[in-house]
Amino acid sequence: MSPGTTTSGKGWVLKDLGDGFRAFWRERHLSTLTTVRADGTPHVVPVGVTLDADSGIARVITSGGSHKVRHVRAAGEEGAAVAVCQVDGRRWSTLEGRAVIREDPGSVADAERRYAERYRRPRENPARVVIEIRVGRVLGNV
């Protein structure tokens, strides 16, 4: 990918973006998650993100009462438009897509396992949910 390249969700899957892209999303980097408040302003927070390039799903684990979860829930069943971005010097990648909240035990356990593989074992949190993002656009330079 070159800087600012936009790839639409038509006719491609994330695994087609190359080994460098996949490796960058496996390296340990903090990311930002951008959601939109009711007044239309962006809410940007640091998060850990995992990406399943084969399915085109990114996941963020968080507490169910967080502002980011409230913003996603407020968007309704179709999900909220969100973006996750990570930067390492000149290398960067943004994943844009629709987010929904998953709170069933299976989804939470799967997301915790993925998080532990990329970062570390997450602390115990009985209020944990998953922000699941179906990636529709990729931008970046990796």
Protein backbone atom coordinates (compact mmCIF):
# COMPACT_ATOMS: atom_id res chain seq x y z
CA MET A 1 0.00 0.00 0.00
CA SER A 2 1.18 3.53 -0.64
CA PRO A 3 0.42 6.53 1.59
CA GLY A 4 -3.23 7.45 1.45
CA THR A 5 -4.22 4.46 -0.66
CA THR A 6 -7.86 3.62 -0.23
CA THR A 7 -9.02 0.13 -0.97
CA SER A 8 -12.75 -0.40 -1.12
CA GLY A 9 -14.46 -3.54 0.12
CA LYS A 10 -15.37 -4.61 -3.42
CA GLY A 11 -13.58 -7.63 -4.80
CA TRP A 12 -10.81 -7.99 -2.23
CA VAL A 13 -10.16 -9.49 1.13
CA LEU A 14 -7.67 -8.24 3.68
CA LYS A 15 -5.45 -11.27 3.20
CA ASP A 16 -4.78 -9.98 -0.34
CA LEU A 17 -3.05 -6.87 1.00
CA GLY A 18 0.24 -8.71 1.48
CA ASP A 19 2.49 -10.12 4.13
CA GLY A 20 3.72 -6.69 5.27
CA PHE A 21 0.17 -5.60 6.04
CA ARG A 22 -0.61 -8.80 7.95
CA ALA A 23 2.67 -8.61 9.89
CA PHE A 24 2.06 -4.97 10.85
CA TRP A 25 -1.31 -5.90 12.37
CA ARG A 26 0.31 -8.77 14.33
CA GLU A 27 3.12 -6.62 15.80
CA ARG A 28 2.48 -5.17 19.26
CA HIS A 29 1.25 -1.60 18.68
CA LEU A 30 -1.31 0.46 20.49
CA SER A 31 -3.99 1.86 18.25
CA THR A 32 -6.71 4.47 18.37
CA LEU A 33 -10.41 3.84 17.96
CA THR A 34 -12.54 6.67 16.64
CA THR A 35 -16.28 6.62 17.27
CA VAL A 36 -18.77 9.44 16.76
CA ARG A 37 -20.63 11.16 19.59
CA ALA A 38 -24.32 12.08 19.31
CA ASP A 39 -23.32 15.66 18.48
CA GLY A 40 -21.24 14.43 15.52
CA THR A 41 -17.82 15.09 17.05
CA PRO A 42 -15.15 12.38 17.06
CA HIS A 43 -14.29 10.46 20.21
CA VAL A 44 -10.74 9.07 19.90
CA VAL A 45 -9.29 6.71 22.50
CA PRO A 46 -6.25 4.41 22.73
CA VAL A 47 -7.05 0.70 22.42
CA GLY A 48 -5.55 -2.67 21.65
CA VAL A 49 -6.89 -4.11 18.40
CA THR A 50 -6.70 -7.57 16.90
CA LEU A 51 -7.30 -8.23 13.23
CA ASP A 52 -8.43 -11.43 11.55
CA ALA A 53 -7.41 -10.63 7.98
CA ASP A 54 -9.03 -13.80 6.63
CA SER A 55 -12.50 -12.81 7.88
CA GLY A 56 -12.05 -9.03 7.62
CA ILE A 57 -12.92 -8.55 11.31
CA ALA A 58 -11.08 -6.33 13.79
CA ARG A 59 -11.85 -6.62 17.50
CA VAL A 60 -11.46 -4.37 20.52
CA ILE A 61 -12.14 -5.67 24.04
CA THR A 62 -13.47 -3.16 26.53
CA SER A 63 -15.80 -2.63 29.44
CA GLY A 64 -19.50 -2.63 28.56
CA GLY A 65 -20.16 0.77 30.13
CA SER A 66 -17.48 2.71 28.24
CA HIS A 67 -18.28 5.72 26.07
CA LYS A 68 -17.03 3.92 22.97
CA VAL A 69 -19.51 1.10 23.57
CA ARG A 70 -22.33 3.59 24.16
CA HIS A 71 -21.52 5.32 20.86
CA VAL A 72 -21.63 2.03 18.95
CA ARG A 73 -24.86 0.93 20.63
CA ALA A 74 -26.50 4.29 19.85
CA ALA A 75 -26.01 3.66 16.12
CA GLY A 76 -28.52 0.80 16.18
CA GLU A 77 -28.53 -2.64 14.61
CA GLU A 78 -26.69 -1.64 11.43
CA GLY A 79 -23.69 -0.68 13.55
CA ALA A 80 -21.62 2.46 13.89
CA ALA A 81 -19.08 3.82 11.44
CA VAL A 82 -15.69 3.62 13.19
CA ALA A 83 -11.98 3.66 12.44
CA VAL A 84 -9.00 2.03 14.12
CA CYS A 85 -5.53 3.30 13.34
CA GLN A 86 -2.01 2.34 14.33
CA VAL A 87 1.24 4.16 13.60
CA ASP A 88 4.88 3.12 13.81
CA GLY A 89 7.11 5.85 12.43
CA ARG A 90 6.40 6.14 8.72
CA ARG A 91 4.34 2.94 8.71
CA TRP A 92 0.66 3.36 9.42
CA SER A 93 -2.63 1.68 8.72
CA THR A 94 -6.25 2.65 9.26
CA LEU A 95 -9.15 0.21 9.11
CA GLU A 96 -12.59 1.73 8.61
CA GLY A 97 -15.80 -0.20 8.99
CA ARG A 98 -19.06 -0.86 10.81
CA ALA A 99 -18.91 -1.83 14.46
CA VAL A 100 -21.35 -3.80 16.56
CA ILE A 101 -21.18 -4.97 20.16
CA ARG A 102 -20.80 -8.67 20.96
CA GLU A 103 -21.33 -9.73 24.55
CA ASP A 104 -22.00 -13.44 24.37
CA PRO A 105 -19.43 -15.50 26.30
CA GLY A 106 -18.07 -17.22 23.18
CA SER A 107 -17.34 -13.96 21.36
CA VAL A 108 -15.75 -12.43 24.45
CA ALA A 109 -13.55 -15.49 25.08
CA ASP A 110 -12.44 -15.56 21.43
CA ALA A 111 -11.56 -11.85 21.50
CA GLU A 112 -9.66 -12.26 24.79
CA ARG A 113 -7.65 -15.13 23.29
CA ARG A 114 -6.76 -13.04 20.25
CA TYR A 115 -5.82 -10.09 22.47
CA ALA A 116 -3.55 -12.31 24.61
CA GLU A 117 -1.75 -13.51 21.45
CA ARG A 118 -0.97 -9.98 20.31
CA TYR A 119 -0.51 -8.12 23.59
CA ARG A 120 -0.79 -9.99 26.88
CA ARG A 121 -3.43 -11.82 28.85
CA PRO A 122 -6.16 -9.24 29.64
CA ARG A 123 -7.07 -8.56 33.23
CA GLU A 124 -10.26 -10.11 34.57
CA ASN A 125 -13.33 -8.02 33.71
CA PRO A 126 -16.82 -9.50 34.13
CA ALA A 127 -18.30 -6.47 32.29
CA ARG A 128 -16.15 -7.08 29.19
CA VAL A 129 -17.68 -6.86 25.71
CA VAL A 130 -16.23 -6.91 22.22
CA ILE A 131 -16.43 -4.13 19.67
CA GLU A 132 -16.45 -6.13 16.45
CA ILE A 133 -15.60 -4.17 13.31
CA ARG A 134 -16.34 -5.48 9.82
CA VAL A 135 -13.60 -3.75 7.82
CA GLY A 136 -14.81 -2.04 4.65
CA ARG A 137 -11.88 0.24 3.78
CA VAL A 138 -8.14 0.18 4.38
CA LEU A 139 -5.77 3.09 4.18
CA GLY A 140 -2.07 3.12 4.95
CA ASN A 141 1.58 2.79 4.20
CA VAL A 142 2.76 -0.65 5.30
